[in-house]
């Protein structure tokens, strides 16, 4: 398999993974809204790990993307998340996930879908 084909396969995996990440973010937001902070925080740990892998994979595939995904756009929301986590502010954690991180991941998913032609 040539390098381009490997990168296209990685983008296909990214599309599937960002779809699951979107579901996980929504589940975490719902958990925080429903007062289930423990469950929400467990999901936040998984979401952060997922974002890290996603950002690394996106960076590896920049040269084959139809519409470039700029992972630096999520730095500011991640900094807001860090601040919310440091202050143990569950409402803010939920809001950052819902209004800042989720829209970026949805945008990434759409752009990556363009590359694989779906």
PDB file of N, CA and C in Angstrom:
ATOM      1  N   UNK A   1       0.854  -1.183   0.000  1.00  0.00           N
ATOM      2  CA  UNK A   1       0.000   0.000   0.000  1.00  0.00           C
ATOM      3  C   UNK A   1       0.897   1.243   0.000  1.00  0.00           C
ATOM      4  N   UNK A   2       0.619   2.166  -0.903  1.00  0.00           N
ATOM      5  CA  UNK A   2       1.446   3.369  -0.948  1.00  0.00           C
ATOM      6  C   UNK A   2       1.044   4.344   0.156  1.00  0.00           C
ATOM      7  N   UNK A   3       1.866   5.367   0.319  1.00  0.00           N
ATOM      8  CA  UNK A   3       1.676   6.311   1.428  1.00  0.00           C
ATOM      9  C   UNK A   3       0.337   7.051   1.320  1.00  0.00           C
ATOM     10  N   UNK A   4      -0.042   7.442   0.113  1.00  0.00           N
ATOM     11  CA  UNK A   4      -1.316   8.144  -0.057  1.00  0.00           C
ATOM     12  C   UNK A   4      -2.484   7.239   0.354  1.00  0.00           C
ATOM     13  N   UNK A   5      -2.443   5.990  -0.070  1.00  0.00           N
ATOM     14  CA  UNK A   5      -3.516   5.052   0.276  1.00  0.00           C
ATOM     15  C   UNK A   5      -3.590   4.848   1.787  1.00  0.00           C
ATOM     16  N   UNK A   6      -2.435   4.780   2.435  1.00  0.00           N
ATOM     17  CA  UNK A   6      -2.413   4.644   3.895  1.00  0.00           C
ATOM     18  C   UNK A   6      -3.035   5.865   4.562  1.00  0.00           C
ATOM     19  N   UNK A   7      -2.730   7.040   4.033  1.00  0.00           N
ATOM     20  CA  UNK A   7      -3.288   8.267   4.610  1.00  0.00           C
ATOM     21  C   UNK A   7      -4.792   8.347   4.373  1.00  0.00           C
ATOM     22  N   UNK A   8      -5.248   7.892   3.220  1.00  0.00           N
ATOM     23  CA  UNK A   8      -6.688   7.885   2.952  1.00  0.00           C
ATOM     24  C   UNK A   8      -7.399   6.906   3.892  1.00  0.00           C
ATOM     25  N   UNK A   9      -6.756   5.795   4.162  1.00  0.00           N
ATOM     26  CA  UNK A   9      -7.318   4.831   5.114  1.00  0.00           C
ATOM     27  C   UNK A   9      -7.389   5.448   6.515  1.00  0.00           C
ATOM     28  N   UNK A  10      -6.352   6.202   6.878  1.00  0.00           N
ATOM     29  CA  UNK A  10      -6.343   6.882   8.172  1.00  0.00           C
ATOM     30  C   UNK A  10      -7.464   7.920   8.232  1.00  0.00           C
ATOM     31  N   UNK A  11      -7.702   8.622   7.135  1.00  0.00           N
ATOM     32  CA  UNK A  11      -8.795   9.601   7.114  1.00  0.00           C
ATOM     33  C   UNK A  11     -10.142   8.898   7.280  1.00  0.00           C
ATOM     34  N   UNK A  12     -10.315   7.749   6.647  1.00  0.00           N
ATOM     35  CA  UNK A  12     -11.549   6.975   6.829  1.00  0.00           C
ATOM     36  C   UNK A  12     -11.728   6.622   8.311  1.00  0.00           C
ATOM     37  N   UNK A  13     -10.637   6.199   8.944  1.00  0.00           N
ATOM     38  CA  UNK A  13     -10.677   5.891  10.372  1.00  0.00           C
ATOM     39  C   UNK A  13     -11.011   7.147  11.174  1.00  0.00           C
ATOM     40  N   UNK A  14     -10.437   8.282  10.782  1.00  0.00           N
ATOM     41  CA  UNK A  14     -10.711   9.551  11.462  1.00  0.00           C
ATOM     42  C   UNK A  14     -12.187   9.930  11.368  1.00  0.00           C
ATOM     43  N   UNK A  15     -12.774   9.735  10.201  1.00  0.00           N
ATOM     44  CA  UNK A  15     -14.194  10.058  10.028  1.00  0.00           C
ATOM     45  C   UNK A  15     -15.032   9.230  11.004  1.00  0.00           C
ATOM     46  N   UNK A  16     -14.746   7.938  11.064  1.00  0.00           N
ATOM     47  CA  UNK A  16     -15.482   7.064  11.978  1.00  0.00           C
ATOM     48  C   UNK A  16     -15.219   7.463  13.430  1.00  0.00           C
ATOM     49  N   UNK A  17     -13.961   7.749  13.747  1.00  0.00           N
ATOM     50  CA  UNK A  17     -13.590   8.061  15.123  1.00  0.00           C
ATOM     51  C   UNK A  17     -14.185   9.395  15.566  1.00  0.00           C
ATOM     52  N   UNK A  18     -14.126  10.415  14.696  1.00  0.00           N
ATOM     53  CA  UNK A  18     -14.703  11.704  15.092  1.00  0.00           C
ATOM     54  C   UNK A  18     -16.214  11.581  15.275  1.00  0.00           C
ATOM     55  N   UNK A  19     -16.848  10.689  14.526  1.00  0.00           N
ATOM     56  CA  UNK A  19     -18.275  10.432  14.743  1.00  0.00           C
ATOM     57  C   UNK A  19     -18.536   9.898  16.140  1.00  0.00           C
ATOM     58  N   UNK A  20     -17.689   8.961  16.569  1.00  0.00           N
ATOM     59  CA  UNK A  20     -17.827   8.417  17.934  1.00  0.00           C
ATOM     60  C   UNK A  20     -17.465   9.479  18.976  1.00  0.00           C
ATOM     61  N   UNK A  21     -16.483  10.307  18.666  1.00  0.00           N
ATOM     62  CA  UNK A  21     -16.074  11.372  19.580  1.00  0.00           C
ATOM     63  C   UNK A  21     -17.224  12.362  19.781  1.00  0.00           C
ATOM     64  N   UNK A  22     -17.922  12.677  18.706  1.00  0.00           N
ATOM     65  CA  UNK A  22     -19.082  13.572  18.790  1.00  0.00           C
ATOM     66  C   UNK A  22     -20.137  12.978  19.729  1.00  0.00           C
ATOM     67  N   UNK A  23     -20.406  11.690  19.584  1.00  0.00           N
ATOM     68  CA  UNK A  23     -21.373  11.025  20.477  1.00  0.00           C
ATOM     69  C   UNK A  23     -20.898  11.078  21.926  1.00  0.00           C
ATOM     70  N   UNK A  24     -19.608  10.857  22.151  1.00  0.00           N
ATOM     71  CA  UNK A  24     -19.055  10.896  23.498  1.00  0.00           C
ATOM     72  C   UNK A  24     -19.138  12.281  24.119  1.00  0.00           C
ATOM     73  N   UNK A  25     -18.878  13.304  23.304  1.00  0.00           N
ATOM     74  CA  UNK A  25     -18.976  14.682  23.804  1.00  0.00           C
ATOM     75  C   UNK A  25     -20.423  14.979  24.192  1.00  0.00           C
ATOM     76  N   UNK A  26     -21.358  14.598  23.337  1.00  0.00           N
ATOM     77  CA  UNK A  26     -22.783  14.810  23.657  1.00  0.00           C
ATOM     78  C   UNK A  26     -23.187  14.074  24.925  1.00  0.00           C
ATOM     79  N   UNK A  27     -22.678  12.866  25.096  1.00  0.00           N
ATOM     80  CA  UNK A  27     -22.983  12.092  26.304  1.00  0.00           C
ATOM     81  C   UNK A  27     -22.413  12.780  27.549  1.00  0.00           C
ATOM     82  N   UNK A  28     -21.199  13.313  27.438  1.00  0.00           N
ATOM     83  CA  UNK A  28     -20.592  14.026  28.569  1.00  0.00           C
ATOM     84  C   UNK A  28     -21.394  15.279  28.905  1.00  0.00           C
ATOM     85  N   UNK A  29     -21.777  16.029  27.881  1.00  0.00           N
ATOM     86  CA  UNK A  29     -22.581  17.239  28.093  1.00  0.00           C
ATOM     87  C   UNK A  29     -23.879  16.878  28.812  1.00  0.00           C
ATOM     88  N   UNK A  30     -24.551  15.827  28.336  1.00  0.00           N
ATOM     89  CA  UNK A  30     -25.790  15.388  28.986  1.00  0.00           C
ATOM     90  C   UNK A  30     -25.537  15.003  30.443  1.00  0.00           C
ATOM     91  N   UNK A  31     -24.423  14.327  30.695  1.00  0.00           N
ATOM     92  CA  UNK A  31     -24.092  13.918  32.069  1.00  0.00           C
ATOM     93  C   UNK A  31     -23.938  15.130  32.975  1.00  0.00           C
ATOM     94  N   UNK A  32     -23.229  16.154  32.491  1.00  0.00           N
ATOM     95  CA  UNK A  32     -23.050  17.360  33.307  1.00  0.00           C
ATOM     96  C   UNK A  32     -24.387  18.073  33.515  1.00  0.00           C
ATOM     97  N   UNK A  33     -25.223  18.136  32.477  1.00  0.00           N
ATOM     98  CA  UNK A  33     -26.532  18.790  32.605  1.00  0.00           C
ATOM     99  C   UNK A  33     -27.437  18.058  33.589  1.00  0.00           C
ATOM    100  N   UNK A  34     -27.266  16.738  33.674  1.00  0.00           N
ATOM    101  CA  UNK A  34     -28.113  15.930  34.553  1.00  0.00           C
ATOM    102  C   UNK A  34     -27.515  15.753  35.948  1.00  0.00           C
ATOM    103  N   UNK A  35     -26.397  16.441  36.233  1.00  0.00           N
ATOM    104  CA  UNK A  35     -25.793  16.375  37.556  1.00  0.00           C
ATOM    105  C   UNK A  35     -24.976  15.128  37.823  1.00  0.00           C
ATOM    106  N   UNK A  36     -24.636  14.390  36.774  1.00  0.00           N
ATOM    107  CA  UNK A  36     -23.812  13.183  36.935  1.00  0.00           C
ATOM    108  C   UNK A  36     -22.356  13.529  36.614  1.00  0.00           C
ATOM    109  N   UNK A  37     -21.765  14.326  37.518  1.00  0.00           N
ATOM    110  CA  UNK A  37     -20.421  14.844  37.278  1.00  0.00           C
ATOM    111  C   UNK A  37     -19.363  13.747  37.177  1.00  0.00           C
ATOM    112  N   UNK A  38     -19.505  12.694  37.987  1.00  0.00           N
ATOM    113  CA  UNK A  38     -18.530  11.599  37.953  1.00  0.00           C
ATOM    114  C   UNK A  38     -18.463  10.951  36.581  1.00  0.00           C
ATOM    115  N   UNK A  39     -19.635  10.635  36.043  1.00  0.00           N
ATOM    116  CA  UNK A  39     -19.694  10.042  34.702  1.00  0.00           C
ATOM    117  C   UNK A  39     -19.156  11.029  33.670  1.00  0.00           C
ATOM    118  N   UNK A  40     -19.542  12.289  33.809  1.00  0.00           N
ATOM    119  CA  UNK A  40     -19.073  13.319  32.885  1.00  0.00           C
ATOM    120  C   UNK A  40     -17.559  13.441  32.890  1.00  0.00           C
ATOM    121  N   UNK A  41     -16.970  13.412  34.085  1.00  0.00           N
ATOM    122  CA  UNK A  41     -15.511  13.538  34.187  1.00  0.00           C
ATOM    123  C   UNK A  41     -14.803  12.316  33.609  1.00  0.00           C
ATOM    124  N   UNK A  42     -15.376  11.127  33.810  1.00  0.00           N
ATOM    125  CA  UNK A  42     -14.798   9.926  33.195  1.00  0.00           C
ATOM    126  C   UNK A  42     -14.767  10.080  31.677  1.00  0.00           C
ATOM    127  N   UNK A  43     -15.845  10.614  31.131  1.00  0.00           N
ATOM    128  CA  UNK A  43     -15.915  10.820  29.684  1.00  0.00           C
ATOM    129  C   UNK A  43     -14.948  11.906  29.223  1.00  0.00           C
ATOM    130  N   UNK A  44     -14.771  12.952  30.033  1.00  0.00           N
ATOM    131  CA  UNK A  44     -13.842  14.028  29.670  1.00  0.00           C
ATOM    132  C   UNK A  44     -12.429  13.478  29.486  1.00  0.00           C
ATOM    133  N   UNK A  45     -12.013  12.583  30.364  1.00  0.00           N
ATOM    134  CA  UNK A  45     -10.678  11.977  30.241  1.00  0.00           C
ATOM    135  C   UNK A  45     -10.560  11.263  28.896  1.00  0.00           C
ATOM    136  N   UNK A  46     -11.582  10.491  28.534  1.00  0.00           N
ATOM    137  CA  UNK A  46     -11.574   9.778  27.255  1.00  0.00           C
ATOM    138  C   UNK A  46     -11.619  10.747  26.073  1.00  0.00           C
ATOM    139  N   UNK A  47     -12.386  11.818  26.213  1.00  0.00           N
ATOM    140  CA  UNK A  47     -12.501  12.816  25.147  1.00  0.00           C
ATOM    141  C   UNK A  47     -11.156  13.488  24.905  1.00  0.00           C
ATOM    142  N   UNK A  48     -10.467  13.856  25.975  1.00  0.00           N
ATOM    143  CA  UNK A  48      -9.161  14.506  25.830  1.00  0.00           C
ATOM    144  C   UNK A  48      -8.174  13.569  25.144  1.00  0.00           C
ATOM    145  N   UNK A  49      -8.158  12.298  25.551  1.00  0.00           N
ATOM    146  CA  UNK A  49      -7.295  11.318  24.876  1.00  0.00           C
ATOM    147  C   UNK A  49      -7.672  11.193  23.403  1.00  0.00           C
ATOM    148  N   UNK A  50      -8.970  11.165  23.133  1.00  0.00           N
ATOM    149  CA  UNK A  50      -9.446  11.061  21.759  1.00  0.00           C
ATOM    150  C   UNK A  50      -9.076  12.262  20.920  1.00  0.00           C
ATOM    151  N   UNK A  51      -9.163  13.445  21.509  1.00  0.00           N
ATOM    152  CA  UNK A  51      -8.778  14.661  20.793  1.00  0.00           C
ATOM    153  C   UNK A  51      -7.290  14.654  20.470  1.00  0.00           C
ATOM    154  N   UNK A  52      -6.491  14.180  21.408  1.00  0.00           N
ATOM    155  CA  UNK A  52      -5.038  14.121  21.187  1.00  0.00           C
ATOM    156  C   UNK A  52      -4.729  13.232  19.987  1.00  0.00           C
ATOM    157  N   UNK A  53      -5.298  12.024  19.967  1.00  0.00           N
ATOM    158  CA  UNK A  53      -5.053  11.108  18.850  1.00  0.00           C
ATOM    159  C   UNK A  53      -5.569  11.700  17.538  1.00  0.00           C
ATOM    160  N   UNK A  54      -6.768  12.289  17.585  1.00  0.00           N
ATOM    161  CA  UNK A  54      -7.379  12.873  16.391  1.00  0.00           C
ATOM    162  C   UNK A  54      -6.505  13.982  15.821  1.00  0.00           C
ATOM    163  N   UNK A  55      -6.010  14.854  16.685  1.00  0.00           N
ATOM    164  CA  UNK A  55      -5.167  15.954  16.225  1.00  0.00           C
ATOM    165  C   UNK A  55      -3.874  15.433  15.597  1.00  0.00           C
ATOM    166  N   UNK A  56      -3.285  14.413  16.196  1.00  0.00           N
ATOM    167  CA  UNK A  56      -2.061  13.832  15.637  1.00  0.00           C
ATOM    168  C   UNK A  56      -2.336  13.220  14.265  1.00  0.00           C
ATOM    169  N   UNK A  57      -3.433  12.480  14.149  1.00  0.00           N
ATOM    170  CA  UNK A  57      -3.771  11.824  12.882  1.00  0.00           C
ATOM    171  C   UNK A  57      -4.113  12.847  11.802  1.00  0.00           C
ATOM    172  N   UNK A  58      -4.824  13.897  12.173  1.00  0.00           N
ATOM    173  CA  UNK A  58      -5.152  14.952  11.206  1.00  0.00           C
ATOM    174  C   UNK A  58      -3.871  15.584  10.679  1.00  0.00           C
ATOM    175  N   UNK A  59      -2.937  15.859  11.568  1.00  0.00           N
ATOM    176  CA  UNK A  59      -1.669  16.470  11.170  1.00  0.00           C
ATOM    177  C   UNK A  59      -0.905  15.573  10.196  1.00  0.00           C
ATOM    178  N   UNK A  60      -0.968  14.268  10.405  1.00  0.00           N
ATOM    179  CA  UNK A  60      -0.273  13.322   9.522  1.00  0.00           C
ATOM    180  C   UNK A  60      -0.887  13.248   8.127  1.00  0.00           C
ATOM    181  N   UNK A  61      -2.137  13.695   7.990  1.00  0.00           N
ATOM    182  CA  UNK A  61      -2.837  13.549   6.708  1.00  0.00           C
ATOM    183  C   UNK A  61      -3.090  14.875   5.995  1.00  0.00           C
ATOM    184  N   UNK A  62      -2.474  15.947   6.447  1.00  0.00           N
ATOM    185  CA  UNK A  62      -2.730  17.268   5.863  1.00  0.00           C
ATOM    186  C   UNK A  62      -2.539  17.288   4.351  1.00  0.00           C
ATOM    187  N   UNK A  63      -1.527  16.583   3.851  1.00  0.00           N
ATOM    188  CA  UNK A  63      -1.205  16.659   2.423  1.00  0.00           C
ATOM    189  C   UNK A  63      -2.217  15.963   1.515  1.00  0.00           C
ATOM    190  N   UNK A  64      -3.148  15.194   2.072  1.00  0.00           N
ATOM    191  CA  UNK A  64      -4.166  14.542   1.235  1.00  0.00           C
ATOM    192  C   UNK A  64      -5.579  15.061   1.515  1.00  0.00           C
ATOM    193  N   UNK A  65      -5.717  15.998   2.442  1.00  0.00           N
ATOM    194  CA  UNK A  65      -7.037  16.530   2.773  1.00  0.00           C
ATOM    195  C   UNK A  65      -7.529  17.467   1.673  1.00  0.00           C
ATOM    196  N   UNK A  66      -8.805  17.325   1.304  1.00  0.00           N
ATOM    197  CA  UNK A  66      -9.413  18.188   0.296  1.00  0.00           C
ATOM    198  C   UNK A  66      -9.600  19.593   0.874  1.00  0.00           C
ATOM    199  N   UNK A  67     -10.174  19.660   2.064  1.00  0.00           N
ATOM    200  CA  UNK A  67     -10.336  20.930   2.778  1.00  0.00           C
ATOM    201  C   UNK A  67      -9.561  20.793   4.083  1.00  0.00           C
ATOM    202  N   UNK A  68      -8.503  21.581   4.214  1.00  0.00           N
ATOM    203  CA  UNK A  68      -7.581  21.414   5.338  1.00  0.00           C
ATOM    204  C   UNK A  68      -8.251  21.635   6.687  1.00  0.00           C
ATOM    205  N   UNK A  69      -7.923  20.763   7.612  1.00  0.00           N
ATOM    206  CA  UNK A  69      -8.397  20.864   8.990  1.00  0.00           C
ATOM    207  C   UNK A  69      -7.297  21.538   9.798  1.00  0.00           C
ATOM    208  N   UNK A  70      -7.644  22.656  10.431  1.00  0.00           N
ATOM    209  CA  UNK A  70      -6.683  23.412  11.233  1.00  0.00           C
ATOM    210  C   UNK A  70      -6.879  23.048  12.707  1.00  0.00           C
ATOM    211  N   UNK A  71      -6.024  22.144  13.194  1.00  0.00           N
ATOM    212  CA  UNK A  71      -6.180  21.695  14.583  1.00  0.00           C
ATOM    213  C   UNK A  71      -5.861  22.792  15.590  1.00  0.00           C
ATOM    214  N   UNK A  72      -5.146  23.830  15.166  1.00  0.00           N
ATOM    215  CA  UNK A  72      -4.813  24.908  16.109  1.00  0.00           C
ATOM    216  C   UNK A  72      -6.064  25.660  16.564  1.00  0.00           C
ATOM    217  N   UNK A  73      -7.162  25.529  15.813  1.00  0.00           N
ATOM    218  CA  UNK A  73      -8.408  26.202  16.191  1.00  0.00           C
ATOM    219  C   UNK A  73      -8.963  25.707  17.521  1.00  0.00           C
ATOM    220  N   UNK A  74      -8.517  24.542  17.956  1.00  0.00           N
ATOM    221  CA  UNK A  74      -9.076  23.977  19.192  1.00  0.00           C
ATOM    222  C   UNK A  74      -8.225  24.322  20.417  1.00  0.00           C
ATOM    223  N   UNK A  75      -7.110  24.998  20.214  1.00  0.00           N
ATOM    224  CA  UNK A  75      -6.223  25.330  21.339  1.00  0.00           C
ATOM    225  C   UNK A  75      -6.932  26.221  22.358  1.00  0.00           C
ATOM    226  N   UNK A  76      -7.596  27.256  21.888  1.00  0.00           N
ATOM    227  CA  UNK A  76      -8.288  28.164  22.818  1.00  0.00           C
ATOM    228  C   UNK A  76      -9.389  27.442  23.605  1.00  0.00           C
ATOM    229  N   UNK A  77     -10.258  26.652  22.937  1.00  0.00           N
ATOM    230  CA  UNK A  77     -11.242  25.888  23.719  1.00  0.00           C
ATOM    231  C   UNK A  77     -10.596  24.913  24.704  1.00  0.00           C
ATOM    232  N   UNK A  78      -9.484  24.301  24.326  1.00  0.00           N
ATOM    233  CA  UNK A  78      -8.809  23.390  25.258  1.00  0.00           C
ATOM    234  C   UNK A  78      -8.254  24.143  26.458  1.00  0.00           C
ATOM    235  N   UNK A  79      -7.756  25.353  26.235  1.00  0.00           N
ATOM    236  CA  UNK A  79      -7.285  26.172  27.359  1.00  0.00           C
ATOM    237  C   UNK A  79      -8.443  26.534  28.285  1.00  0.00           C
ATOM    238  N   UNK A  80      -9.609  26.825  27.704  1.00  0.00           N
ATOM    239  CA  UNK A  80     -10.798  27.104  28.517  1.00  0.00           C
ATOM    240  C   UNK A  80     -11.194  25.860  29.311  1.00  0.00           C
ATOM    241  N   UNK A  81     -11.041  24.682  28.689  1.00  0.00           N
ATOM    242  CA  UNK A  81     -11.348  23.421  29.374  1.00  0.00           C
ATOM    243  C   UNK A  81     -10.398  23.207  30.544  1.00  0.00           C
ATOM    244  N   UNK A  82      -9.120  23.476  30.335  1.00  0.00           N
ATOM    245  CA  UNK A  82      -8.129  23.329  31.413  1.00  0.00           C
ATOM    246  C   UNK A  82      -8.499  24.222  32.590  1.00  0.00           C
ATOM    247  N   UNK A  83      -8.864  25.462  32.292  1.00  0.00           N
ATOM    248  CA  UNK A  83      -9.245  26.401  33.354  1.00  0.00           C
ATOM    249  C   UNK A  83     -10.480  25.895  34.101  1.00  0.00           C
ATOM    250  N   UNK A  84     -11.465  25.398  33.361  1.00  0.00           N
ATOM    251  CA  UNK A  84     -12.683  24.871  33.989  1.00  0.00           C
ATOM    252  C   UNK A  84     -12.362  23.659  34.858  1.00  0.00           C
ATOM    253  N   UNK A  85     -11.463  22.797  34.380  1.00  0.00           N
ATOM    254  CA  UNK A  85     -11.070  21.618  35.158  1.00  0.00           C
ATOM    255  C   UNK A  85     -10.322  22.026  36.424  1.00  0.00           C
ATOM    256  N   UNK A  86      -9.427  23.006  36.300  1.00  0.00           N
ATOM    257  CA  UNK A  86      -8.674  23.478  37.472  1.00  0.00           C
ATOM    258  C   UNK A  86      -9.601  24.049  38.533  1.00  0.00           C
ATOM    259  N   UNK A  87     -10.672  24.707  38.090  1.00  0.00           N
ATOM    260  CA  UNK A  87     -11.623  25.326  39.017  1.00  0.00           C
ATOM    261  C   UNK A  87     -12.760  24.385  39.419  1.00  0.00           C
ATOM    262  N   UNK A  88     -12.707  23.155  38.916  1.00  0.00           N
ATOM    263  CA  UNK A  88     -13.757  22.160  39.170  1.00  0.00           C
ATOM    264  C   UNK A  88     -15.140  22.781  38.923  1.00  0.00           C
ATOM    265  N   UNK A  89     -15.260  23.441  37.773  1.00  0.00           N
ATOM    266  CA  UNK A  89     -16.495  24.114  37.375  1.00  0.00           C
ATOM    267  C   UNK A  89     -17.215  23.239  36.346  1.00  0.00           C
ATOM    268  N   UNK A  90     -18.099  22.378  36.839  1.00  0.00           N
ATOM    269  CA  UNK A  90     -18.759  21.402  35.972  1.00  0.00           C
ATOM    270  C   UNK A  90     -19.664  22.050  34.926  1.00  0.00           C
ATOM    271  N   UNK A  91     -20.299  23.153  35.291  1.00  0.00           N
ATOM    272  CA  UNK A  91     -21.153  23.853  34.325  1.00  0.00           C
ATOM    273  C   UNK A  91     -20.301  24.375  33.171  1.00  0.00           C
ATOM    274  N   UNK A  92     -19.164  24.983  33.510  1.00  0.00           N
ATOM    275  CA  UNK A  92     -18.277  25.510  32.472  1.00  0.00           C
ATOM    276  C   UNK A  92     -17.681  24.384  31.626  1.00  0.00           C
ATOM    277  N   UNK A  93     -17.327  23.268  32.254  1.00  0.00           N
ATOM    278  CA  UNK A  93     -16.795  22.124  31.503  1.00  0.00           C
ATOM    279  C   UNK A  93     -17.827  21.688  30.463  1.00  0.00           C
ATOM    280  N   UNK A  94     -19.070  21.540  30.888  1.00  0.00           N
ATOM    281  CA  UNK A  94     -20.135  21.151  29.963  1.00  0.00           C
ATOM    282  C   UNK A  94     -20.338  22.166  28.853  1.00  0.00           C
ATOM    283  N   UNK A  95     -20.293  23.451  29.215  1.00  0.00           N
ATOM    284  CA  UNK A  95     -20.475  24.509  28.216  1.00  0.00           C
ATOM    285  C   UNK A  95     -19.333  24.538  27.200  1.00  0.00           C
ATOM    286  N   UNK A  96     -18.098  24.397  27.672  1.00  0.00           N
ATOM    287  CA  UNK A  96     -16.950  24.393  26.755  1.00  0.00           C
ATOM    288  C   UNK A  96     -17.064  23.210  25.798  1.00  0.00           C
ATOM    289  N   UNK A  97     -17.430  22.054  26.330  1.00  0.00           N
ATOM    290  CA  UNK A  97     -17.610  20.880  25.470  1.00  0.00           C
ATOM    291  C   UNK A  97     -18.697  21.130  24.428  1.00  0.00           C
ATOM    292  N   UNK A  98     -19.829  21.647  24.888  1.00  0.00           N
ATOM    293  CA  UNK A  98     -20.994  21.793  24.010  1.00  0.00           C
ATOM    294  C   UNK A  98     -20.841  22.909  22.983  1.00  0.00           C
ATOM    295  N   UNK A  99     -20.322  24.058  23.417  1.00  0.00           N
ATOM    296  CA  UNK A  99     -20.343  25.234  22.551  1.00  0.00           C
ATOM    297  C   UNK A  99     -19.012  25.555  21.878  1.00  0.00           C
ATOM    298  N   UNK A 100     -17.924  24.963  22.340  1.00  0.00           N
ATOM    299  CA  UNK A 100     -16.627  25.275  21.742  1.00  0.00           C
ATOM    300  C   UNK A 100     -15.950  24.056  21.122  1.00  0.00           C
ATOM    301  N   UNK A 101     -15.892  22.952  21.842  1.00  0.00           N
ATOM    302  CA  UNK A 101     -15.179  21.776  21.334  1.00  0.00           C
ATOM    303  C   UNK A 101     -16.043  20.983  20.356  1.00  0.00           C
ATOM    304  N   UNK A 102     -17.290  20.727  20.709  1.00  0.00           N
ATOM    305  CA  UNK A 102     -18.175  19.947  19.836  1.00  0.00           C
ATOM    306  C   UNK A 102     -18.290  20.542  18.425  1.00  0.00           C
ATOM    307  N   UNK A 103     -18.533  21.847  18.281  1.00  0.00           N
ATOM    308  CA  UNK A 103     -18.629  22.395  16.917  1.00  0.00           C
ATOM    309  C   UNK A 103     -17.347  22.199  16.100  1.00  0.00           C
ATOM    310  N   UNK A 104     -16.198  22.267  16.738  1.00  0.00           N
ATOM    311  CA  UNK A 104     -14.927  22.054  16.029  1.00  0.00           C
ATOM    312  C   UNK A 104     -14.806  20.613  15.556  1.00  0.00           C
ATOM    313  N   UNK A 105     -15.139  19.668  16.420  1.00  0.00           N
ATOM    314  CA  UNK A 105     -15.035  18.252  16.044  1.00  0.00           C
ATOM    315  C   UNK A 105     -16.035  17.938  14.931  1.00  0.00           C
ATOM    316  N   UNK A 106     -17.230  18.531  15.000  1.00  0.00           N
ATOM    317  CA  UNK A 106     -18.211  18.338  13.923  1.00  0.00           C
ATOM    318  C   UNK A 106     -17.687  18.905  12.606  1.00  0.00           C
ATOM    319  N   UNK A 107     -17.043  20.063  12.674  1.00  0.00           N
ATOM    320  CA  UNK A 107     -16.450  20.676  11.477  1.00  0.00           C
ATOM    321  C   UNK A 107     -15.344  19.787  10.911  1.00  0.00           C
ATOM    322  N   UNK A 108     -14.496  19.253  11.795  1.00  0.00           N
ATOM    323  CA  UNK A 108     -13.429  18.352  11.346  1.00  0.00           C
ATOM    324  C   UNK A 108     -14.029  17.148  10.641  1.00  0.00           C
ATOM    325  N   UNK A 109     -15.075  16.577  11.225  1.00  0.00           N
ATOM    326  CA  UNK A 109     -15.720  15.404  10.648  1.00  0.00           C
ATOM    327  C   UNK A 109     -16.236  15.711   9.240  1.00  0.00           C
ATOM    328  N   UNK A 110     -16.864  16.867   9.076  1.00  0.00           N
ATOM    329  CA  UNK A 110     -17.393  17.256   7.762  1.00  0.00           C
ATOM    330  C   UNK A 110     -16.268  17.438   6.748  1.00  0.00           C
ATOM    331  N   UNK A 111     -15.196  18.113   7.143  1.00  0.00           N
ATOM    332  CA  UNK A 111     -14.072  18.337   6.227  1.00  0.00           C
ATOM    333  C   UNK A 111     -13.398  17.022   5.845  1.00  0.00           C
ATOM    334  N   UNK A 112     -13.238  16.133   6.801  1.00  0.00           N
ATOM    335  CA  UNK A 112     -12.616  14.840   6.515  1.00  0.00           C
ATOM    336  C   UNK A 112     -13.508  14.005   5.601  1.00  0.00           C
ATOM    337  N   UNK A 113     -14.819  14.123   5.775  1.00  0.00           N
ATOM    338  CA  UNK A 113     -15.757  13.432   4.888  1.00  0.00           C
ATOM    339  C   UNK A 113     -15.597  13.888   3.443  1.00  0.00           C
ATOM    340  N   UNK A 114     -15.293  15.167   3.246  1.00  0.00           N
ATOM    341  CA  UNK A 114     -15.068  15.676   1.889  1.00  0.00           C
ATOM    342  C   UNK A 114     -13.896  14.959   1.228  1.00  0.00           C
ATOM    343  N   UNK A 115     -12.874  14.664   2.009  1.00  0.00           N
ATOM    344  CA  UNK A 115     -11.684  14.011   1.465  1.00  0.00           C
ATOM    345  C   UNK A 115     -11.990  12.599   0.984  1.00  0.00           C
ATOM    346  N   UNK A 116     -12.837  11.888   1.714  1.00  0.00           N
ATOM    347  CA  UNK A 116     -13.144  10.513   1.295  1.00  0.00           C
ATOM    348  C   UNK A 116     -14.361  10.465   0.377  1.00  0.00           C
ATOM    349  N   UNK A 117     -14.941  11.641   0.114  1.00  0.00           N
ATOM    350  CA  UNK A 117     -16.016  11.722  -0.861  1.00  0.00           C
ATOM    351  C   UNK A 117     -17.376  11.290  -0.380  1.00  0.00           C
ATOM    352  N   UNK A 118     -17.652  11.454   0.900  1.00  0.00           N
ATOM    353  CA  UNK A 118     -18.984  11.102   1.428  1.00  0.00           C
ATOM    354  C   UNK A 118     -19.760  12.351   1.778  1.00  0.00           C
TER     355      UNK A 118
END
